[in-house]
Amino acid sequence: MSLQLGIDLGGTKTEGVILDAAGREQFRKRIPTDQSSYDAVLGGVTKLYAEMLWHADEAPHTLGIGTPGSISARTGLMRNSNTVCLNGRPVASDLRARLGRDLVLENDANCFALAEALHGAGAGHRVVFGVIMGTGCGGGIVIDGRVHRGRQSLGGEWGHVTMDPHGPLCYCGQRGCVETFISGSGVERAHFDATGFRLAAHEIFAAADAGEATC
């Protein structure tokens, strides 16, 4: 039976995991995501995959990669990724060439929603809507155990619905998107606006849990 290798490509971190045929975790590693360039992001994935392959002793395996944004069915290029250097680039085909193998690339919120629908909080429910909050903000819909992608592969996405037309400028070009408020980067911006000090989102959350009033 083949192993299952998965990589979560996020705006802040890239994480890899190896599962055996029974779904038991065999290996996990997290590295920072270098967003300095397109090549740097793909290079991080390539390096992590090589280490995972070594730990798997090059055993037969499948490979899936979750990423912010989605691949356009019309152009085959990435769009709507908060790792903006990926936008407009052939991420899936470039990764297949770099890694020298086939792989499945899917929106990270869709991956999350499907996992919850099949194995988590949504198990047993016909329709599941999963919300993911990380560097950005996304959503996925699962109906009858299958991801609902929609005509433009944007099913469930809500991060760029405008909450406040006079709100913060979003990288997508609009103002006041959901993602500018409900995301790690949005929390960091709100804290800076309130205090003039920059903290990482996880530091803000920890301080809020400890009772710090501004956080």
Protein backbone atom coordinates (compact mmCIF):
# COMPACT_ATOMS: atom_id res chain seq x y z
CA MET A 1 0.00 0.00 0.00
CA SER A 2 1.32 3.46 -0.88
CA LEU A 3 2.00 6.28 1.55
CA GLN A 4 0.15 9.61 1.44
CA LEU A 5 2.29 12.74 1.37
CA GLY A 6 0.73 16.15 1.86
CA ILE A 7 2.14 19.67 1.86
CA ASP A 8 0.32 22.75 3.15
CA LEU A 9 1.73 25.82 1.44
CA GLY A 10 0.74 28.80 3.57
CA GLY A 11 1.65 32.45 3.60
CA THR A 12 3.64 32.12 6.83
CA LYS A 13 4.66 28.46 6.95
CA THR A 14 4.92 25.41 4.72
CA GLU A 15 4.19 22.11 6.43
CA GLY A 16 4.59 18.53 5.24
CA VAL A 17 3.11 15.32 6.62
CA ILE A 18 3.42 11.63 5.75
CA LEU A 19 0.56 9.22 6.49
CA ASP A 20 0.74 5.46 6.19
CA ALA A 21 -1.93 3.35 4.47
CA ALA A 22 -4.01 3.34 7.67
CA GLY A 23 -3.89 7.12 7.96
CA ARG A 24 -1.40 7.15 10.85
CA GLU A 25 1.05 10.04 10.93
CA GLN A 26 4.63 8.98 10.25
CA PHE A 27 6.39 12.31 9.81
CA ARG A 28 5.66 16.04 10.12
CA LYS A 29 7.80 19.11 9.55
CA ARG A 30 7.10 22.83 9.33
CA ILE A 31 9.36 25.43 7.68
CA PRO A 32 8.91 29.19 7.17
CA THR A 33 7.54 30.24 3.78
CA ASP A 34 10.02 32.47 1.99
CA GLN A 35 7.81 34.90 0.05
CA SER A 36 10.72 36.89 -1.35
CA SER A 37 10.10 35.48 -4.83
CA TYR A 38 8.16 32.89 -6.81
CA ASP A 39 11.27 30.71 -7.11
CA ALA A 40 11.85 30.96 -3.35
CA VAL A 41 8.34 29.70 -2.56
CA LEU A 42 8.61 26.77 -4.97
CA GLY A 43 12.15 26.10 -3.77
CA GLY A 44 10.88 25.71 -0.22
CA VAL A 45 8.29 23.18 -1.35
CA THR A 46 10.93 21.31 -3.35
CA LYS A 47 13.34 21.13 -0.40
CA LEU A 48 10.62 19.97 2.00
CA TYR A 49 9.40 17.31 -0.43
CA ALA A 50 12.96 15.99 -0.83
CA GLU A 51 13.23 15.57 2.94
CA MET A 52 9.85 13.86 3.09
CA LEU A 53 10.89 11.54 0.27
CA TRP A 54 14.02 10.61 2.25
CA HIS A 55 11.95 9.84 5.36
CA ALA A 56 9.57 7.76 3.22
CA ASP A 57 12.58 5.82 1.90
CA GLU A 58 11.26 6.73 -1.58
CA ALA A 59 8.33 4.35 -1.10
CA PRO A 60 5.39 4.57 -3.53
CA HIS A 61 3.15 7.47 -2.55
CA THR A 62 0.58 10.00 -3.59
CA LEU A 63 1.24 13.72 -3.23
CA GLY A 64 -1.23 16.52 -2.58
CA ILE A 65 -0.46 20.19 -2.07
CA GLY A 66 -2.86 22.69 -0.53
CA THR A 67 -2.32 26.34 -1.39
CA PRO A 68 -4.06 29.69 -0.92
CA GLY A 69 -5.85 30.76 -4.08
CA SER A 70 -7.04 28.55 -6.89
CA ILE A 71 -6.03 27.51 -10.38
CA SER A 72 -8.05 29.12 -13.16
CA ALA A 73 -9.76 26.50 -15.30
CA ARG A 74 -9.39 28.86 -18.28
CA THR A 75 -5.69 29.75 -18.03
CA GLY A 76 -4.17 27.15 -15.70
CA LEU A 77 -2.63 30.02 -13.69
CA MET A 78 -2.94 30.78 -9.98
CA ARG A 79 -5.22 33.63 -8.89
CA ASN A 80 -6.52 35.13 -5.61
CA SER A 81 -3.56 33.89 -3.54
CA ASN A 82 -2.47 36.04 -0.59
CA THR A 83 1.02 34.78 -1.38
CA VAL A 84 0.86 37.27 -4.20
CA CYS A 85 4.02 36.15 -6.01
CA LEU A 86 2.11 32.98 -7.00
CA ASN A 87 -0.63 34.89 -8.81
CA GLY A 88 -0.54 34.67 -12.59
CA ARG A 89 1.97 31.81 -12.47
CA PRO A 90 1.59 28.15 -13.58
CA VAL A 91 2.15 26.82 -10.04
CA ALA A 92 0.85 23.30 -10.58
CA SER A 93 2.78 22.61 -13.79
CA ASP A 94 5.96 24.22 -12.43
CA LEU A 95 5.81 22.08 -9.28
CA ARG A 96 5.25 18.93 -11.34
CA ALA A 97 8.37 19.80 -13.36
CA ARG A 98 10.47 20.61 -10.29
CA LEU A 99 9.43 17.54 -8.32
CA GLY A 100 9.47 15.23 -11.32
CA ARG A 101 6.13 13.60 -10.55
CA ASP A 102 2.38 14.00 -10.72
CA LEU A 103 0.56 15.72 -7.89
CA VAL A 104 -2.82 17.17 -6.98
CA LEU A 105 -2.93 20.87 -6.13
CA GLU A 106 -6.05 22.12 -4.34
CA ASN A 107 -7.20 25.24 -2.53
CA ASP A 108 -6.29 24.96 1.15
CA ALA A 109 -9.78 25.86 2.39
CA ASN A 110 -11.26 23.12 0.19
CA CYS A 111 -8.77 20.66 1.70
CA PHE A 112 -9.74 21.73 5.20
CA ALA A 113 -13.47 21.55 4.51
CA LEU A 114 -13.19 18.10 2.92
CA ALA A 115 -11.13 16.76 5.84
CA GLU A 116 -13.72 18.02 8.34
CA ALA A 117 -16.59 16.66 6.24
CA LEU A 118 -15.07 13.19 6.01
CA HIS A 119 -13.20 12.81 9.29
CA GLY A 120 -13.97 15.74 11.59
CA ALA A 121 -16.70 18.00 12.88
CA GLY A 122 -18.74 17.73 9.67
CA ALA A 123 -18.78 13.92 9.50
CA GLY A 124 -22.28 12.60 8.84
CA HIS A 125 -23.60 15.89 7.45
CA ARG A 126 -24.62 16.24 3.82
CA VAL A 127 -23.47 19.87 3.44
CA VAL A 128 -20.41 21.30 5.18
CA PHE A 129 -19.03 24.85 4.99
CA GLY A 130 -15.49 25.17 6.32
CA VAL A 131 -13.83 28.49 7.13
CA ILE A 132 -10.05 28.76 7.30
CA MET A 133 -8.30 31.64 9.04
CA GLY A 134 -4.56 31.95 8.57
CA THR A 135 -2.47 34.65 6.94
CA GLY A 136 -5.60 35.16 4.83
CA CYS A 137 -9.21 33.98 5.02
CA GLY A 138 -10.93 31.38 2.87
CA GLY A 139 -13.84 28.97 2.74
CA GLY A 140 -14.84 25.69 1.18
CA ILE A 141 -18.11 23.86 0.58
CA VAL A 142 -18.52 20.07 0.58
CA ILE A 143 -21.75 18.46 -0.63
CA ASP A 144 -22.29 14.72 -0.34
CA GLY A 145 -18.59 14.19 0.36
CA ARG A 146 -17.34 16.12 -2.68
CA VAL A 147 -15.84 19.60 -2.88
CA HIS A 148 -18.16 22.08 -4.57
CA ARG A 149 -15.77 24.17 -6.67
CA GLY A 150 -18.24 26.20 -8.68
CA ARG A 151 -17.91 27.28 -12.29
CA GLN A 152 -14.76 29.36 -11.63
CA SER A 153 -13.24 27.17 -8.85
CA LEU A 154 -14.32 29.78 -6.29
CA GLY A 155 -17.09 27.86 -4.50
CA GLY A 156 -17.22 28.83 -0.82
CA GLU A 157 -14.66 31.62 -1.11
CA TRP A 158 -15.73 34.66 0.89
CA GLY A 159 -12.46 36.45 1.73
CA HIS A 160 -12.95 39.11 -0.92
CA VAL A 161 -16.55 40.02 -0.22
CA THR A 162 -16.54 43.71 0.74
CA MET A 163 -17.57 44.40 4.34
CA ASP A 164 -16.72 48.12 4.31
CA PRO A 165 -16.19 49.99 1.02
CA HIS A 166 -14.15 52.59 2.96
CA GLY A 167 -12.10 49.98 4.83
CA PRO A 168 -8.44 48.98 4.48
CA LEU A 169 -7.01 48.51 1.01
CA CYS A 170 -6.72 44.81 0.12
CA TYR A 171 -4.03 43.34 -2.14
CA CYS A 172 -6.82 42.37 -4.55
CA GLY A 173 -7.45 46.06 -5.23
CA GLN A 174 -10.73 46.39 -3.32
CA ARG A 175 -11.29 48.04 0.05
CA GLY A 176 -12.69 46.48 3.19
CA CYS A 177 -12.65 42.83 2.11
CA VAL A 178 -13.53 40.22 4.72
CA GLU A 179 -9.87 39.12 4.60
CA THR A 180 -8.64 42.56 5.70
CA PHE A 181 -10.49 42.05 9.00
CA ILE A 182 -10.85 38.28 9.61
CA SER A 183 -7.31 36.98 9.11
CA GLY A 184 -3.96 36.91 10.84
CA SER A 185 -2.77 39.84 8.72
CA GLY A 186 -6.00 41.72 9.47
CA VAL A 187 -5.58 41.23 13.21
CA GLU A 188 -1.98 42.46 12.98
CA ARG A 189 -3.10 45.58 11.07
CA ALA A 190 -5.89 46.33 13.56
CA HIS A 191 -3.49 46.00 16.49
CA PHE A 192 -0.97 48.32 14.81
CA ASP A 193 -3.69 50.88 14.07
CA ALA A 194 -4.74 50.80 17.75
CA THR A 195 -1.29 50.84 19.36
CA GLY A 196 1.39 51.84 16.86
CA PHE A 197 3.27 48.63 17.73
CA ARG A 198 3.69 45.62 15.47
CA LEU A 199 3.06 42.15 16.86
CA ALA A 200 2.58 38.83 15.06
CA ALA A 201 -0.94 37.43 15.12
CA HIS A 202 -0.02 34.56 17.44
CA GLU A 203 1.48 37.06 19.91
CA ILE A 204 -1.72 39.14 19.84
CA PHE A 205 -3.89 36.09 20.46
CA ALA A 206 -1.67 34.95 23.35
CA ALA A 207 -1.79 38.40 24.93
CA ALA A 208 -5.58 38.54 24.51
CA ASP A 209 -5.89 35.16 26.23
CA ALA A 210 -3.78 36.55 29.07
CA GLY A 211 -6.18 39.49 29.45
CA GLU A 212 -4.21 42.30 27.75
CA ALA A 213 -6.97 44.84 27.06
CA THR A 214 -5.91 46.25 23.69
CA CYS A 215 -5.26 42.81 22.21
